[in-house]
Protein backbone atom coordinates (compact mmCIF):
# COMPACT_ATOMS: atom_id res chain seq x y z
CA MET A 1 24.39 -0.04 10.36
CA PRO A 2 28.10 -1.82 11.07
CA ASN A 3 28.68 -5.17 9.78
CA PHE A 4 29.56 -6.39 13.17
CA VAL A 5 26.40 -4.78 14.64
CA ARG A 6 24.59 -6.48 11.85
CA LYS A 7 25.78 -10.17 12.26
CA SER A 8 25.47 -10.48 16.05
CA LEU A 9 22.16 -10.70 18.37
CA GLY A 10 24.30 -9.24 21.15
CA ASN A 11 26.05 -6.58 19.67
CA ARG A 12 22.81 -5.24 18.15
CA ILE A 13 21.28 -5.68 21.37
CA MET A 14 23.76 -3.70 22.76
CA ALA A 15 23.59 -1.11 20.53
CA THR A 16 19.99 -0.87 21.27
CA ILE A 17 20.54 -0.76 25.06
CA ILE A 18 23.46 1.75 24.25
CA VAL A 19 21.64 4.46 21.73
CA SER A 20 18.51 4.38 24.05
CA ILE A 21 20.47 5.17 27.04
CA THR A 22 22.77 8.24 25.28
CA LEU A 23 19.33 9.78 23.67
CA VAL A 24 17.88 9.53 27.33
CA MET A 25 20.95 10.86 29.20
CA SER A 26 21.40 13.79 26.36
CA VAL A 27 17.93 14.90 26.58
CA GLU A 28 18.48 14.99 30.75
CA ILE A 29 21.90 17.25 30.47
CA LEU A 30 20.38 19.14 27.98
CA LEU A 31 17.56 20.03 30.11
CA ASP A 32 19.57 20.46 33.09
CA LEU A 33 22.09 22.81 31.32
CA TYR A 34 18.85 24.83 30.09
CA PHE A 35 17.14 25.01 33.56
CA GLY A 36 20.10 25.52 35.80
CA LYS A 37 21.36 28.64 33.54
CA LYS A 38 18.03 29.94 33.78
CA ASP A 39 17.91 28.97 37.33
CA ALA A 40 21.08 30.72 38.37
CA LEU A 41 19.86 33.88 36.33
CA GLN A 42 16.87 34.15 37.97
CA LEU A 43 18.53 33.56 41.34
CA MET A 44 21.17 36.35 40.87
CA GLU A 45 18.04 38.63 39.34
CA THR A 46 15.75 38.01 43.13
CA LEU A 47 19.47 38.91 44.61
CA SER A 48 20.08 41.85 42.63
CA MET A 49 16.52 43.30 43.46
CA ASP A 50 17.23 42.41 47.12
CA LEU A 51 20.43 44.17 47.43
CA ALA A 52 18.44 47.26 45.63
CA ALA A 53 16.12 46.75 48.20
CA SER A 54 18.43 46.75 50.91
CA THR A 55 20.82 49.56 49.41
CA TYR A 56 17.67 51.75 49.11
CA SER A 57 16.64 51.69 52.84
CA GLY A 58 19.96 52.15 53.51
CA ILE A 59 20.65 55.32 51.58
CA ARG A 60 17.06 56.53 51.87
CA TYR A 61 17.43 58.53 55.53
CA PRO A 62 21.06 59.95 54.58
CA MET A 63 19.85 61.33 51.55
CA SER A 64 16.53 62.93 53.40
CA VAL A 65 19.18 64.88 55.26
CA GLY A 66 21.73 65.72 53.01
CA ASP A 67 24.49 63.54 54.44
CA SER A 68 26.26 62.67 51.57
CA GLY A 69 29.13 61.30 53.59
CA ALA A 70 26.79 58.13 55.11
CA VAL A 71 25.37 57.70 51.12
CA ASP A 72 29.12 57.16 50.18
CA GLN A 73 29.70 54.91 53.10
CA VAL A 74 27.02 52.60 52.30
CA LEU A 75 28.03 52.48 48.31
CA THR A 76 31.88 51.83 49.73
CA ASP A 77 30.84 48.90 51.96
CA ILE A 78 28.86 47.24 48.95
CA ARG A 79 31.59 47.95 46.93
CA ASP A 80 34.22 46.41 48.90
CA LYS A 81 32.26 43.32 50.51
CA MET A 82 30.65 42.68 47.49
CA GLU A 83 32.34 41.29 44.47
CA GLY A 84 31.04 41.95 41.05
CA ILE A 85 28.49 44.72 41.88
CA GLU A 86 28.07 48.39 41.04
CA VAL A 87 25.70 50.72 41.79
CA PHE A 88 24.79 53.78 40.21
CA ILE A 89 22.32 56.55 41.35
CA CYS A 90 22.04 59.77 39.22
CA ASP A 91 19.02 62.38 38.90
CA THR A 92 16.70 63.28 36.55
CA ASN A 93 19.11 64.29 34.14
CA GLN A 94 20.67 61.08 34.33
CA LEU A 95 23.90 62.63 35.80
CA ILE A 96 25.51 59.93 38.53
CA THR A 97 25.83 61.46 41.50
CA TRP A 98 26.87 58.95 43.63
CA SER A 99 28.43 55.18 42.65
CA THR A 100 30.53 52.61 44.13
CA HIS A 101 33.04 53.70 41.70
CA ARG A 102 33.86 57.10 42.35
CA ASP A 103 35.54 57.52 38.79
CA LYS A 104 31.78 57.14 37.46
CA VAL A 105 30.61 60.18 39.41
CA TYR A 106 29.58 63.31 37.63
CA THR A 107 29.19 61.33 34.36
CA ASN A 108 26.35 60.78 32.18
CA ILE A 109 24.65 57.57 33.14
CA ALA A 110 24.90 56.16 29.24
CA ASP A 111 28.44 56.56 29.38
CA THR A 112 28.91 53.50 31.62
CA ILE A 113 25.79 51.65 30.66
CA ILE A 114 25.55 51.02 27.06
CA ASN A 115 22.53 49.20 26.13
CA PRO A 116 19.42 50.87 24.93
CA GLY A 117 16.66 48.99 27.16
CA PRO A 118 17.64 50.37 30.65
CA LEU A 119 18.39 53.68 29.07
CA GLU A 120 15.47 53.81 27.43
CA ALA A 121 13.27 52.59 30.81
CA LEU A 122 15.20 54.96 32.91
CA SER A 123 13.88 57.77 30.50
CA VAL A 124 10.37 56.40 31.22
CA LEU A 125 10.57 56.44 34.83
CA PHE A 126 11.73 59.95 35.00
CA ALA A 127 9.04 61.01 33.02
CA SER A 128 5.82 59.20 34.13
CA GLY A 129 7.24 57.66 37.37
CA LYS A 130 6.46 53.72 36.49
CA ALA A 131 9.40 51.72 37.32
CA PRO A 132 10.46 48.99 35.20
CA LYS A 133 8.95 45.55 36.43
CA GLU A 134 11.55 43.07 34.64
CA SER A 135 15.25 43.27 34.48
CA PHE A 136 17.65 43.85 31.99
CA GLU A 137 20.38 41.46 30.34
CA THR A 138 23.67 43.34 29.25
CA VAL A 139 26.95 42.31 28.03
CA SER A 140 30.38 44.56 28.94
CA ASP A 141 34.00 43.70 28.76
CA GLY A 142 32.63 40.18 27.16
CA LYS A 143 30.85 39.74 30.41
CA ARG A 144 27.04 39.29 31.55
CA HIS A 145 25.40 41.53 33.58
CA ILE A 146 22.09 41.66 34.89
CA ILE A 147 20.81 45.43 35.53
CA ILE A 148 17.91 46.41 38.27
CA ILE A 149 16.40 49.85 37.80
CA GLU A 150 14.73 51.22 41.29
CA PRO A 151 12.97 54.64 41.45
CA ILE A 152 14.45 56.97 43.58
CA LEU A 153 10.48 58.36 45.23
CA ASN A 154 10.34 62.21 45.93
CA GLU A 155 8.89 61.87 49.60
CA LYS A 156 7.64 64.33 52.38
CA VAL A 157 11.29 64.86 53.96
CA CYS A 158 12.87 65.51 50.68
CA PHE A 159 10.28 68.42 50.03
CA HIS A 160 12.60 70.89 51.54
CA CYS A 161 14.99 70.42 48.88
CA HIS A 162 13.49 69.15 45.81
CA GLY A 163 9.69 70.61 46.30
CA SER A 164 6.49 68.72 45.60
CA SER A 165 5.91 68.94 42.15
CA ARG A 166 7.67 65.67 41.02
CA LYS A 167 6.82 61.97 42.16
CA VAL A 168 10.68 60.65 40.95
CA ILE A 169 13.72 63.02 41.87
CA GLY A 170 16.12 60.58 40.66
CA GLY A 171 16.94 56.65 39.89
CA MET A 172 19.49 53.72 40.91
CA ILE A 173 20.52 51.28 38.91
CA VAL A 174 22.02 48.37 40.38
CA LYS A 175 24.56 46.04 37.67
CA THR A 176 25.50 42.74 38.56
CA ASN A 177 28.07 40.47 37.02
CA VAL A 178 26.52 37.29 36.92
CA GLU A 179 29.37 35.27 35.42
CA ARG A 180 30.80 33.74 37.90
CA ALA A 181 27.13 32.50 38.19
CA LEU A 182 27.28 30.76 35.15
CA LEU A 183 31.09 29.51 35.98
CA THR A 184 29.00 27.60 37.97
CA VAL A 185 26.76 26.38 36.06
CA THR A 186 29.37 25.63 33.43
CA ALA A 187 31.24 23.49 35.72
CA ALA A 188 28.25 21.47 37.34
CA LYS A 189 27.15 20.65 33.09
CA ASN A 190 30.98 19.25 33.11
CA ARG A 191 30.15 17.20 36.14
CA THR A 192 27.18 15.87 35.00
CA ILE A 193 28.46 15.04 31.33
CA PHE A 194 31.51 13.06 33.22
CA THR A 195 29.07 11.52 35.70
CA THR A 196 27.22 10.21 32.45
CA ILE A 197 29.40 8.91 30.73
CA LEU A 198 31.49 6.91 33.90
CA ALA A 199 27.90 5.63 34.38
CA LEU A 200 26.83 4.78 30.19
CA LEU A 201 30.10 3.01 30.62
CA ALA A 202 29.43 0.83 33.59
CA ILE A 203 25.82 0.75 32.01
CA ILE A 204 28.07 -0.89 28.58
CA VAL A 205 30.26 -3.32 30.49
CA ILE A 206 27.39 -4.90 32.54
CA SER A 207 25.28 -5.00 29.95
CA TYR A 208 27.34 -6.98 27.94
CA ALA A 209 28.74 -9.08 30.23
CA MET A 210 25.07 -10.03 30.90
CA ILE A 211 23.75 -10.55 27.29
CA GLU A 212 26.85 -12.39 26.82
CA LYS A 213 26.18 -15.07 29.21
CA PHE A 214 22.27 -15.39 29.02
CA ILE A 215 22.19 -14.74 25.27
CA SER A 216 25.15 -14.21 22.80
CA ARG A 217 26.63 -17.80 23.69
CA ARG A 218 23.68 -19.74 24.41
CA VAL A 219 22.30 -18.21 20.83
CA GLN A 220 25.48 -20.00 19.50
CA ARG A 221 25.27 -23.27 20.93
CA LEU A 222 22.23 -23.39 18.93
CA ALA A 223 23.40 -21.52 15.98
CA ASP A 224 26.37 -24.28 16.10
CA GLY A 225 23.30 -27.14 16.66
CA VAL A 226 22.18 -25.96 13.37
CA LYS A 227 25.12 -26.41 11.36
CA LYS A 228 25.79 -29.95 12.60
CA VAL A 229 22.18 -31.42 11.75
CA ALA A 230 22.75 -29.54 8.36
CA GLY A 231 25.82 -31.60 8.34
CA GLY A 232 23.72 -34.97 8.38
CA ASP A 233 24.74 -35.58 11.95
CA LEU A 234 20.79 -35.79 13.24
CA ASP A 235 22.14 -37.73 16.82
CA PHE A 236 23.51 -34.53 18.12
CA GLU A 237 21.37 -32.90 20.94
CA ILE A 238 21.71 -29.41 22.49
CA GLN A 239 21.42 -29.11 26.58
CA ALA A 240 18.54 -27.29 27.40
CA ARG A 241 18.57 -26.69 31.11
CA SER A 242 17.00 -23.02 31.53
CA ALA A 243 13.45 -22.79 31.56
CA ASP A 244 13.15 -19.43 29.64
CA GLU A 245 12.70 -18.39 25.85
CA ILE A 246 16.20 -19.83 24.72
CA GLY A 247 15.96 -23.41 26.56
CA ASP A 248 12.09 -23.62 24.93
CA LEU A 249 13.91 -23.17 21.89
CA ALA A 250 16.76 -25.59 22.28
CA ARG A 251 13.92 -28.57 23.28
CA SER A 252 12.01 -27.58 20.47
CA PHE A 253 15.15 -27.84 18.24
CA ASN A 254 16.26 -31.63 19.74
CA THR A 255 12.34 -32.42 19.22
CA MET A 256 12.63 -31.48 15.48
CA THR A 257 16.19 -33.25 15.13
CA HIS A 258 14.56 -36.57 16.37
CA GLU A 259 11.42 -36.19 14.31
CA LEU A 260 13.99 -35.56 11.03
CA LYS A 261 15.97 -38.62 12.33
CA GLU A 262 13.25 -40.68 12.16
CA ALA A 263 11.64 -39.43 8.84
CA GLN A 264 15.42 -39.95 7.46
CA ASP A 265 14.90 -43.75 8.61
CA GLU A 266 11.06 -43.81 7.26
CA ILE A 267 12.29 -42.95 3.94
CA THR A 268 15.18 -45.29 3.80
CA ASN A 269 12.95 -48.14 4.31
CA TRP A 270 10.69 -46.92 1.90
CA THR A 271 13.66 -46.67 -1.13
CA LEU A 272 14.42 -49.98 -0.43
CA THR A 273 10.50 -50.76 -2.13
CA LEU A 274 10.75 -47.82 -4.55
CA GLU A 275 11.05 -50.03 -7.52
CA ASP A 276 8.75 -52.47 -6.87
CA LEU A 277 6.20 -49.07 -6.68
CA VAL A 278 7.96 -47.73 -9.74
CA GLU A 279 7.05 -50.48 -11.64
CA GLU A 280 3.35 -50.51 -10.46
CA ARG A 281 2.67 -47.27 -11.24
CA THR A 282 4.41 -47.02 -14.27
CA ALA A 283 1.94 -49.50 -15.01
CA GLN A 284 -0.98 -47.43 -14.03
CA LEU A 285 0.40 -44.76 -16.16
CA LYS A 286 0.51 -46.87 -19.26
CA ARG A 287 -3.61 -47.91 -18.61
CA ALA A 288 -3.69 -44.33 -18.05
CA GLN A 289 -2.22 -43.32 -21.42
CA GLU A 290 -3.90 -46.05 -23.27
CA ASN A 291 -7.41 -45.00 -21.77
CA ALA A 292 -5.84 -41.57 -22.43
CA ILE A 293 -5.48 -42.32 -26.33
CA GLN A 294 -8.48 -44.00 -26.41
CA ALA A 295 -10.67 -40.92 -25.33
CA GLU A 296 -8.81 -38.81 -27.36
CA LYS A 297 -9.74 -41.18 -30.61
CA MET A 298 -13.42 -40.97 -29.20
CA ALA A 299 -13.09 -37.33 -29.50
CA SER A 300 -11.74 -36.91 -32.76
CA MET A 301 -14.35 -39.30 -33.96
CA GLY A 302 -17.35 -37.09 -32.21
CA ARG A 303 -15.72 -34.08 -33.87
CA LEU A 304 -15.17 -36.03 -37.12
CA ALA A 305 -18.87 -36.41 -37.32
CA ALA A 306 -19.93 -33.23 -36.79
CA ILE A 307 -17.86 -31.82 -39.21
CA VAL A 308 -19.27 -34.49 -41.75
CA ALA A 309 -22.70 -33.99 -40.07
CA HIS A 310 -22.59 -30.07 -41.02
CA GLU A 311 -20.58 -30.87 -44.61
CA ILE A 312 -23.09 -33.23 -45.42
CA ASN A 313 -26.37 -32.06 -44.54
CA ASN A 314 -26.78 -29.16 -47.00
CA PRO A 315 -26.03 -31.52 -50.21
CA LEU A 316 -28.77 -34.34 -48.60
CA ALA A 317 -31.07 -31.51 -48.59
CA GLY A 318 -30.26 -30.45 -51.68
CA ILE A 319 -30.92 -33.73 -53.32
CA ARG A 320 -34.09 -35.00 -51.28
CA THR A 321 -35.71 -31.39 -52.16
CA TYR A 322 -35.18 -32.09 -56.48
CA ALA A 323 -36.21 -35.47 -55.62
CA LYS A 324 -39.74 -34.72 -54.17
CA LEU A 325 -40.15 -31.73 -57.41
CA MET A 326 -39.51 -34.97 -59.56
CA LEU A 327 -42.28 -36.72 -57.51
CA LYS A 328 -44.25 -34.37 -57.97
CA ARG A 329 -43.91 -33.65 -61.82
CA SER A 330 -43.57 -37.42 -62.24
CA GLY A 331 -46.49 -37.71 -64.62
CA GLU A 332 -44.87 -35.16 -66.67
CA LEU A 333 -41.67 -36.54 -66.83
CA PHE A 334 -41.75 -40.33 -67.13
CA PRO A 335 -45.41 -41.03 -69.01
CA GLY A 336 -46.52 -44.90 -69.71
CA ASP A 337 -43.63 -47.38 -69.42
CA TYR A 338 -40.95 -44.89 -67.17
CA ALA A 339 -43.11 -45.67 -64.14
CA LYS A 340 -40.19 -47.63 -62.83
CA TYR A 341 -38.08 -44.58 -63.29
CA ILE A 342 -40.43 -42.89 -60.57
CA GLN A 343 -39.62 -46.00 -58.47
CA TYR A 344 -35.77 -44.81 -58.72
CA ILE A 345 -36.81 -41.40 -57.64
CA GLU A 346 -39.06 -42.52 -54.82
CA THR A 347 -35.72 -44.55 -53.53
CA ILE A 348 -33.64 -41.60 -54.12
CA GLU A 349 -35.90 -39.56 -51.80
CA SER A 350 -36.45 -41.95 -49.10
CA GLU A 351 -32.42 -42.83 -48.84
CA SER A 352 -31.94 -39.07 -48.62
CA ALA A 353 -34.46 -38.80 -45.76
CA ARG A 354 -32.47 -41.86 -44.28
CA CYS A 355 -29.25 -40.37 -44.79
CA GLY A 356 -30.54 -37.06 -43.06
CA GLU A 357 -31.38 -39.41 -39.91
CA ILE A 358 -27.96 -40.76 -39.85
CA VAL A 359 -26.94 -37.02 -39.95
CA ARG A 360 -28.68 -36.10 -37.02
CA GLY A 361 -27.58 -39.13 -35.43
CA LEU A 362 -24.22 -37.96 -35.78
CA LEU A 363 -25.15 -34.64 -34.69
CA GLN A 364 -26.57 -35.87 -31.33
CA PHE A 365 -23.07 -37.93 -31.18
CA ALA A 366 -20.91 -35.13 -31.52
CA ARG A 367 -23.25 -32.83 -29.19
CA PRO A 368 -21.09 -31.80 -25.66
CA THR A 369 -22.58 -33.22 -22.64
CA LYS A 370 -24.08 -31.96 -19.60
CA PRO A 371 -22.38 -28.76 -18.42
CA LYS A 372 -19.53 -28.82 -16.04
CA ILE A 373 -19.86 -25.59 -13.96
CA SER A 374 -16.34 -24.11 -12.08
CA SER A 375 -15.29 -20.59 -11.57
CA HIS A 376 -13.48 -18.65 -14.55
CA ASP A 377 -12.46 -15.50 -15.68
CA ILE A 378 -14.46 -14.58 -18.52
CA ASN A 379 -11.51 -12.34 -19.99
CA SER A 380 -9.38 -15.45 -19.88
CA LEU A 381 -12.03 -17.17 -21.88
CA VAL A 382 -12.60 -14.14 -24.35
CA GLN A 383 -9.18 -14.26 -25.16
CA GLU A 384 -8.77 -18.41 -25.86
CA THR A 385 -11.73 -17.93 -27.80
CA LEU A 386 -10.13 -15.16 -29.99
CA ARG A 387 -7.21 -17.28 -30.42
CA LEU A 388 -9.24 -19.95 -31.64
CA VAL A 389 -10.62 -18.13 -34.87
CA GLN A 390 -7.81 -15.57 -35.16
CA HIS A 391 -6.54 -17.74 -38.47
CA GLN A 392 -10.62 -16.51 -40.15
CA VAL A 393 -9.86 -13.05 -38.83
CA ASP A 394 -6.41 -12.92 -40.27
CA LEU A 395 -7.14 -14.78 -43.64
CA LEU A 396 -10.31 -11.92 -43.63
CA ASN A 397 -8.29 -8.87 -42.77
CA ILE A 398 -11.05 -7.97 -39.58
CA GLU A 399 -9.85 -5.67 -37.35
CA VAL A 400 -10.62 -7.07 -33.81
CA LYS A 401 -11.32 -5.02 -30.57
CA LEU A 402 -11.17 -5.60 -27.07
CA ASP A 403 -12.88 -3.98 -24.29
CA LEU A 404 -12.47 -6.11 -21.47
CA ALA A 405 -13.25 -5.65 -17.62
CA PRO A 406 -10.47 -4.35 -15.36
CA GLU A 407 -11.71 -6.11 -12.94
CA SER A 408 -11.54 -9.54 -14.22
CA PRO A 409 -14.50 -10.97 -13.00
CA GLN A 410 -15.38 -14.40 -12.38
CA VAL A 411 -18.61 -16.64 -13.51
CA ASN A 412 -19.16 -19.91 -12.61
CA CYS A 413 -19.90 -21.32 -15.71
CA ASP A 414 -18.65 -24.67 -18.32
CA ASP A 415 -15.34 -22.94 -19.94
CA GLN A 416 -16.16 -25.15 -22.91
CA LYS A 417 -19.68 -24.38 -23.75
CA ILE A 418 -19.14 -20.76 -23.25
CA LYS A 419 -16.14 -20.55 -25.72
CA GLN A 420 -18.17 -22.76 -27.96
CA ALA A 421 -21.22 -19.77 -28.00
CA LEU A 422 -18.37 -17.32 -28.39
CA VAL A 423 -16.58 -19.14 -31.30
CA ALA A 424 -20.64 -18.95 -32.91
CA LEU A 425 -20.69 -15.46 -32.59
CA LEU A 426 -17.23 -14.18 -33.62
CA LEU A 427 -17.87 -16.37 -36.78
CA ASN A 428 -21.05 -15.24 -37.51
CA ALA A 429 -19.67 -11.71 -36.80
CA CYS A 430 -16.81 -12.87 -39.49
CA ASP A 431 -19.50 -13.44 -42.14
CA ALA A 432 -21.45 -10.50 -41.84
CA VAL A 433 -18.48 -8.35 -42.25
CA GLN A 434 -16.90 -6.74 -44.96
CA SER A 435 -13.12 -8.32 -45.63
CA ASP A 436 -10.67 -5.33 -45.16
CA THR A 437 -12.92 -2.90 -43.91
CA GLY A 438 -14.69 -5.23 -41.30
CA SER A 439 -14.96 -4.53 -37.30
CA ILE A 440 -15.72 -6.85 -34.49
CA VAL A 441 -15.49 -5.37 -30.92
CA ILE A 442 -15.68 -8.03 -27.69
CA SER A 443 -16.53 -6.17 -24.26
CA THR A 444 -17.32 -7.52 -21.21
CA GLN A 445 -18.64 -5.70 -17.95
CA LEU A 446 -19.27 -6.80 -14.81
CA LEU A 447 -22.62 -5.33 -13.11
CA GLU A 448 -22.46 -5.23 -8.97
CA LYS A 449 -25.42 -4.27 -8.05
CA GLU A 450 -27.05 -6.96 -10.56
CA GLU A 451 -24.19 -9.57 -9.46
CA LYS A 452 -23.97 -10.34 -13.36
CA VAL A 453 -21.17 -10.03 -16.20
CA LYS A 454 -21.95 -8.97 -19.42
CA ILE A 455 -20.59 -9.79 -22.57
CA ALA A 456 -21.18 -8.34 -26.15
CA VAL A 457 -19.67 -9.20 -29.61
CA GLU A 458 -20.59 -5.87 -32.02
CA ASP A 459 -19.93 -6.25 -35.80
CA ASN A 460 -20.33 -3.52 -38.54
CA GLY A 461 -21.55 -5.77 -40.81
CA ILE A 462 -24.68 -6.12 -43.12
CA GLY A 463 -26.88 -6.06 -39.96
CA MET A 464 -30.78 -7.75 -39.64
CA ASP A 465 -34.37 -6.46 -39.95
CA GLU A 466 -36.86 -6.56 -37.73
CA GLU A 467 -38.37 -10.02 -39.34
CA THR A 468 -35.13 -11.62 -39.38
CA ARG A 469 -34.46 -10.74 -35.73
CA SER A 470 -37.47 -12.30 -34.90
CA HIS A 471 -36.32 -15.81 -36.38
CA MET A 472 -32.85 -15.51 -35.33
CA PHE A 473 -32.67 -18.09 -32.35
CA GLU A 474 -34.68 -20.65 -34.59
CA PRO A 475 -32.71 -23.91 -35.52
CA PHE A 476 -31.67 -24.03 -38.80
CA PHE A 477 -33.03 -20.53 -39.65
CA THR A 478 -30.18 -18.53 -41.66
CA THR A 479 -30.34 -15.94 -44.04
CA LYS A 480 -27.77 -17.85 -46.21
CA THR A 481 -25.95 -14.77 -47.46
CA VAL A 482 -23.06 -15.45 -49.73
CA SER A 483 -20.51 -13.26 -50.61
CA PRO A 484 -17.53 -13.52 -53.67
CA GLU A 485 -14.67 -13.51 -51.13
CA LYS A 486 -16.66 -15.94 -48.52
CA GLU A 487 -18.34 -18.46 -50.68
CA THR A 488 -17.60 -21.38 -48.15
CA SER A 489 -18.78 -19.56 -45.54
CA LEU A 490 -22.92 -20.17 -45.73
CA ASN A 491 -24.08 -20.28 -42.82
CA SER A 492 -26.06 -23.51 -41.49
CA GLY A 493 -28.34 -21.66 -39.19
CA LEU A 494 -27.22 -23.79 -36.03
CA GLY A 495 -25.06 -21.22 -34.75
CA VAL A 496 -27.21 -18.33 -32.58
CA SER A 497 -29.62 -21.24 -31.61
CA VAL A 498 -26.52 -22.78 -30.05
CA VAL A 499 -25.23 -19.84 -28.32
CA TYR A 500 -28.93 -19.48 -26.99
CA GLU A 501 -29.23 -22.91 -25.59
CA ILE A 502 -25.96 -22.45 -23.78
CA VAL A 503 -26.76 -19.19 -22.35
CA LYS A 504 -30.03 -20.21 -21.45
CA SER A 505 -28.68 -23.78 -19.75
CA HIS A 506 -26.11 -21.17 -17.73
CA ASN A 507 -29.24 -19.43 -16.06
CA GLY A 508 -28.46 -16.49 -18.63
CA THR A 509 -30.07 -14.06 -20.31
CA ILE A 510 -29.38 -12.97 -24.21
CA GLU A 511 -30.79 -10.12 -26.46
CA VAL A 512 -29.85 -8.95 -29.96
CA GLU A 513 -29.92 -5.17 -31.34
CA SER A 514 -29.64 -4.62 -35.00
CA GLU A 515 -30.13 -2.26 -37.85
CA LEU A 516 -29.70 -2.86 -41.74
CA GLY A 517 -26.75 -1.90 -42.94
CA LYS A 518 -25.33 -0.52 -39.84
CA GLY A 519 -24.12 -3.42 -37.75
CA THR A 520 -25.49 -6.09 -35.09
CA ILE A 521 -24.78 -6.25 -31.09
CA ILE A 522 -25.28 -9.73 -29.78
CA THR A 523 -25.42 -9.33 -25.61
CA PHE A 524 -25.43 -11.81 -22.82
CA TRP A 525 -25.44 -11.55 -19.54
CA LEU A 526 -24.19 -14.75 -16.98
CA PRO A 527 -24.24 -14.82 -13.07
CA GLN A 528 -21.68 -13.52 -11.29
CA ASP A 529 -22.51 -16.31 -8.60
CA HIS A 530 -22.93 -19.63 -8.99
CA ALA A 531 -26.85 -20.83 -10.07
CA THR A 532 -28.27 -23.91 -10.82
CA PRO A 533 -28.21 -24.16 -14.51
CA GLY A 534 -31.51 -24.96 -16.34
CA ASP A 535 -33.58 -22.81 -13.93
CA GLN A 536 -34.45 -20.09 -16.31
CA GLY A 537 -33.62 -18.71 -19.99
């Protein structure tokens, strides 16, 4: 589309009008030409058939009495009075016996009419007596003609010369030049095109004047007003006298400008007191930052407490166990005057028990609070969790594969607790597999019919027997598997039980599939839609 059309609304409307009218008028001209030409040919065909019938009526009687002069006179009148019409009368041998043109007499009709269609129809007429039902078009000397074939029937008055054995004794061919009719159609076409062009020009001029007055100028005033307002002149108003859409737009523009001016004044007034507001907000932010730092300190203390509790829990249990063992054998180990050592050992055992209580208190302090349920993408939680344990995975050279649902299913959950559960499962899987050859697969799946989301962690580690599986959700239960490369990876026995409690608090279910020596699959399902946590396990 040209730029002058694309950049002007009036020009675009004018282009639309011109194209529409041109298409409509072009179709009308083509239809007029087609049907005009067809009607002209049909009219000439009708006139030729009427002429053939009239000519046959005029020569019928003279031919029956053998009056050749009368037949010649009829054909001569046709030649002199009707321009462009030729009549040929031939016998059954297709030899011309009478004609409007005497030079054609006693010549074969095929020398005058070279179109095979009429000649074939003439042969069929002489052979079967059936006259053709349609006319024929032919081109002779660069001019179009219509050919009508009429039979000359063998009537009773003709029996004295031709006998009664034949139904048809000859044929009459009327050849009409239709070039003049086509020229008339062409002249009408040219007049139509000329008239259409004049009408189109008149419509263009009138439409342009109307669009320029009622649309272009008014839209231009709107555009100029927008530029002035954009330049900061909020006191400018557009004159809106009309009640049409453009008038409504101008009034709306004036209302918008007035509201902008009021807003600007309000902003100016508010700026004057901005410094005090900034100081107040700064103080609030400072207090919020101090609170955040304090909260982070408390959270760090909680994490530190959890770490310390887990680190000293097993050594304390060992000390207390050995102390109890020594107490059981105190009679053998400390006979006689060594009773004071038994008191020492009792002190060790009681103080170890008190440390255990302190550790449990620390664990209670570090325990997460009530779940904060909100909508989360389970695939994103899986990927974030994997990043948390990526260092452990890389250190052990374990291959981790993700098979995540393409729908990115949403679950209502506490994202931190779900990540805590996933971390525990991944760390358990890392402890179960062999370095360098270990493989872990994490998969998610949307179960639309059940309205649940399935999450599975699969490893190719040592697996578990039936006895181990029956106790794995019990707190502090562990097989305590130690490998040379992972001596510090002793499981405290809390991981899977924590996972169980987290899944249960989300109204989910958990299932374990494992075979000794082949690996383990831990699968849990979470509701896709929100449900109140704690209603089911």
